[in-house]
Amino acid sequence: MIGCKDLQCVISTLNSLLKKYGISKRVDEIVLEQIRELSIYNDNKVFINILKYEEITNEAAGESEILSSFLLLLSLYSLVGIEKTREIIQNEYGKESPIFKLYEILF
């Protein structure tokens, strides 16, 4: 999907996309938390809803590519909102890509 199998790769990919699209935010850490929202950005950290993450983990049978794509999608969502996330994913990976399909399922 996005070519990442670990969290550091997801953060690096995320920061590259932010820079490419002129978004002046940076992410240093992605944290799983018990929050009400899907994800929140605060102080260079993205907080991901741990219950939703666990749900995806179970459905994906722990497949790291799917989990990495999920983390990237929710991180982008917390930083730029749903429409800009769609635009970035569509431009970078295409409408027929697995990550775009995951976007459509999530949002």
C-alpha atoms as a PDB file:
ATOM      1  CA  MET A   1       0.000   0.000   0.000  1.00  0.00           C
ATOM      2  CA  ILE A   2       2.442   2.682   1.146  1.00  0.00           C
ATOM      3  CA  GLY A   3       5.588   0.577   1.375  1.00  0.00           C
ATOM      4  CA  CYS A   4       5.914   0.822   5.172  1.00  0.00           C
ATOM      5  CA  LYS A   5       6.114  -1.946   7.705  1.00  0.00           C
ATOM      6  CA  ASP A   6       7.073   0.074  10.779  1.00  0.00           C
ATOM      7  CA  LEU A   7       6.041   3.234  12.581  1.00  0.00           C
ATOM      8  CA  GLN A   8       9.174   5.239  11.754  1.00  0.00           C
ATOM      9  CA  CYS A   9       8.562   4.692   8.044  1.00  0.00           C
ATOM     10  CA  VAL A  10       4.964   5.907   8.451  1.00  0.00           C
ATOM     11  CA  ILE A  11       6.160   9.076  10.217  1.00  0.00           C
ATOM     12  CA  SER A  12       8.792   9.704   7.545  1.00  0.00           C
ATOM     13  CA  THR A  13       6.258   9.184   4.738  1.00  0.00           C
ATOM     14  CA  LEU A  14       3.784  11.452   6.506  1.00  0.00           C
ATOM     15  CA  ASN A  15       6.321  14.251   6.960  1.00  0.00           C
ATOM     16  CA  SER A  16       7.390  13.948   3.310  1.00  0.00           C
ATOM     17  CA  LEU A  17       3.779  14.293   2.169  1.00  0.00           C
ATOM     18  CA  LEU A  18       3.210  17.284   4.452  1.00  0.00           C
ATOM     19  CA  LYS A  19       6.288  19.004   3.058  1.00  0.00           C
ATOM     20  CA  LYS A  20       5.363  18.172  -0.554  1.00  0.00           C
ATOM     21  CA  TYR A  21       1.894  19.682  -0.119  1.00  0.00           C
ATOM     22  CA  GLY A  22       3.170  22.810   1.655  1.00  0.00           C
ATOM     23  CA  ILE A  23       1.686  21.941   5.036  1.00  0.00           C
ATOM     24  CA  SER A  24       3.825  23.514   7.737  1.00  0.00           C
ATOM     25  CA  LYS A  25       3.217  20.896  10.409  1.00  0.00           C
ATOM     26  CA  ARG A  26       5.553  18.121  11.458  1.00  0.00           C
ATOM     27  CA  VAL A  27       4.939  14.817  13.223  1.00  0.00           C
ATOM     28  CA  ASP A  28       7.531  13.388  15.599  1.00  0.00           C
ATOM     29  CA  GLU A  29       5.411  10.678  17.179  1.00  0.00           C
ATOM     30  CA  ILE A  30       2.246   8.648  16.630  1.00  0.00           C
ATOM     31  CA  VAL A  31       0.619   7.520  19.879  1.00  0.00           C
ATOM     32  CA  LEU A  32      -2.261   5.132  20.504  1.00  0.00           C
ATOM     33  CA  GLU A  33      -4.624   6.655  23.089  1.00  0.00           C
ATOM     34  CA  GLN A  34      -8.107   6.199  24.415  1.00  0.00           C
ATOM     35  CA  ILE A  35      -9.774   9.210  22.772  1.00  0.00           C
ATOM     36  CA  ARG A  36     -13.268   9.895  21.426  1.00  0.00           C
ATOM     37  CA  GLU A  37     -12.156  11.140  18.015  1.00  0.00           C
ATOM     38  CA  LEU A  38     -10.506   8.984  15.353  1.00  0.00           C
ATOM     39  CA  SER A  39      -7.307  11.003  15.666  1.00  0.00           C
ATOM     40  CA  ILE A  40      -5.993  14.302  17.022  1.00  0.00           C
ATOM     41  CA  TYR A  41      -2.854  16.328  16.258  1.00  0.00           C
ATOM     42  CA  ASN A  42      -1.223  18.209  19.142  1.00  0.00           C
ATOM     43  CA  ASP A  43       2.374  19.383  19.740  1.00  0.00           C
ATOM     44  CA  ASN A  44       3.919  17.406  16.847  1.00  0.00           C
ATOM     45  CA  LYS A  45       2.159  14.228  17.996  1.00  0.00           C
ATOM     46  CA  VAL A  46      -0.738  12.392  16.406  1.00  0.00           C
ATOM     47  CA  PHE A  47      -2.989  10.566  18.843  1.00  0.00           C
ATOM     48  CA  ILE A  48      -4.865   7.629  17.284  1.00  0.00           C
ATOM     49  CA  ASN A  49      -7.999   6.081  18.785  1.00  0.00           C
ATOM     50  CA  ILE A  50      -6.703   2.806  20.241  1.00  0.00           C
ATOM     51  CA  LEU A  51     -10.079   1.049  20.009  1.00  0.00           C
ATOM     52  CA  LYS A  52     -10.340   1.752  16.274  1.00  0.00           C
ATOM     53  CA  TYR A  53      -6.715   0.652  15.830  1.00  0.00           C
ATOM     54  CA  GLU A  54      -7.408  -2.625  17.632  1.00  0.00           C
ATOM     55  CA  GLU A  55     -10.491  -3.170  15.466  1.00  0.00           C
ATOM     56  CA  ILE A  56      -8.437  -2.703  12.293  1.00  0.00           C
ATOM     57  CA  THR A  57      -5.664  -4.920  13.705  1.00  0.00           C
ATOM     58  CA  ASN A  58      -8.159  -7.746  14.202  1.00  0.00           C
ATOM     59  CA  GLU A  59      -9.701  -7.323  10.758  1.00  0.00           C
ATOM     60  CA  ALA A  60      -6.312  -7.079   9.041  1.00  0.00           C
ATOM     61  CA  ALA A  61      -4.924 -10.074  10.946  1.00  0.00           C
ATOM     62  CA  GLY A  62      -1.940  -7.946  11.927  1.00  0.00           C
ATOM     63  CA  GLU A  63      -0.878  -7.249   8.322  1.00  0.00           C
ATOM     64  CA  SER A  64       1.696  -4.456   8.740  1.00  0.00           C
ATOM     65  CA  GLU A  65       1.026  -2.807   5.347  1.00  0.00           C
ATOM     66  CA  ILE A  66      -2.660  -2.334   6.183  1.00  0.00           C
ATOM     67  CA  LEU A  67      -1.880  -1.075   9.679  1.00  0.00           C
ATOM     68  CA  SER A  68       0.730   1.355   8.331  1.00  0.00           C
ATOM     69  CA  SER A  69      -1.745   2.675   5.777  1.00  0.00           C
ATOM     70  CA  PHE A  70      -4.370   3.056   8.497  1.00  0.00           C
ATOM     71  CA  LEU A  71      -1.938   5.069  10.646  1.00  0.00           C
ATOM     72  CA  LEU A  72      -0.995   7.266   7.684  1.00  0.00           C
ATOM     73  CA  LEU A  73      -4.652   7.929   6.817  1.00  0.00           C
ATOM     74  CA  LEU A  74      -5.673   8.828  10.355  1.00  0.00           C
ATOM     75  CA  SER A  75      -2.567  10.966  10.818  1.00  0.00           C
ATOM     76  CA  LEU A  76      -3.298  12.913   7.646  1.00  0.00           C
ATOM     77  CA  TYR A  77      -6.922  13.255   8.720  1.00  0.00           C
ATOM     78  CA  SER A  78      -5.889  14.795  12.050  1.00  0.00           C
ATOM     79  CA  LEU A  79      -3.573  17.249  10.286  1.00  0.00           C
ATOM     80  CA  VAL A  80      -5.486  18.353   7.182  1.00  0.00           C
ATOM     81  CA  GLY A  81      -9.055  17.065   7.418  1.00  0.00           C
ATOM     82  CA  ILE A  82     -11.032  14.621   5.342  1.00  0.00           C
ATOM     83  CA  GLU A  83     -11.057  16.415   1.962  1.00  0.00           C
ATOM     84  CA  LYS A  84      -7.337  17.219   1.844  1.00  0.00           C
ATOM     85  CA  THR A  85      -6.556  13.660   2.976  1.00  0.00           C
ATOM     86  CA  ARG A  86      -8.600  12.369   0.048  1.00  0.00           C
ATOM     87  CA  GLU A  87      -6.814  14.695  -2.368  1.00  0.00           C
ATOM     88  CA  ILE A  88      -3.354  13.671  -1.152  1.00  0.00           C
ATOM     89  CA  ILE A  89      -4.092   9.928  -1.201  1.00  0.00           C
ATOM     90  CA  GLN A  90      -5.713  10.123  -4.627  1.00  0.00           C
ATOM     91  CA  ASN A  91      -2.825  12.157  -6.087  1.00  0.00           C
ATOM     92  CA  GLU A  92      -0.074  10.058  -4.537  1.00  0.00           C
ATOM     93  CA  TYR A  93      -1.469   6.540  -4.804  1.00  0.00           C
ATOM     94  CA  GLY A  94      -4.377   6.709  -7.276  1.00  0.00           C
ATOM     95  CA  LYS A  95      -8.096   6.082  -6.999  1.00  0.00           C
ATOM     96  CA  GLU A  96      -7.705   2.353  -7.612  1.00  0.00           C
ATOM     97  CA  SER A  97      -5.023   1.836  -4.959  1.00  0.00           C
ATOM     98  CA  PRO A  98      -5.618  -0.259  -1.837  1.00  0.00           C
ATOM     99  CA  ILE A  99      -4.950   2.754   0.419  1.00  0.00           C
ATOM    100  CA  PHE A 100      -7.610   4.790  -1.400  1.00  0.00           C
ATOM    101  CA  LYS A 101     -10.052   1.904  -0.935  1.00  0.00           C
ATOM    102  CA  LEU A 102      -9.179   1.888   2.779  1.00  0.00           C
ATOM    103  CA  TYR A 103      -9.809   5.658   2.852  1.00  0.00           C
ATOM    104  CA  GLU A 104     -13.277   5.087   1.366  1.00  0.00           C
ATOM    105  CA  ILE A 105     -14.054   2.449   4.015  1.00  0.00           C
ATOM    106  CA  LEU A 106     -12.887   4.636   6.896  1.00  0.00           C
ATOM    107  CA  PHE A 107     -14.442   7.909   5.792  1.00  0.00           C
END
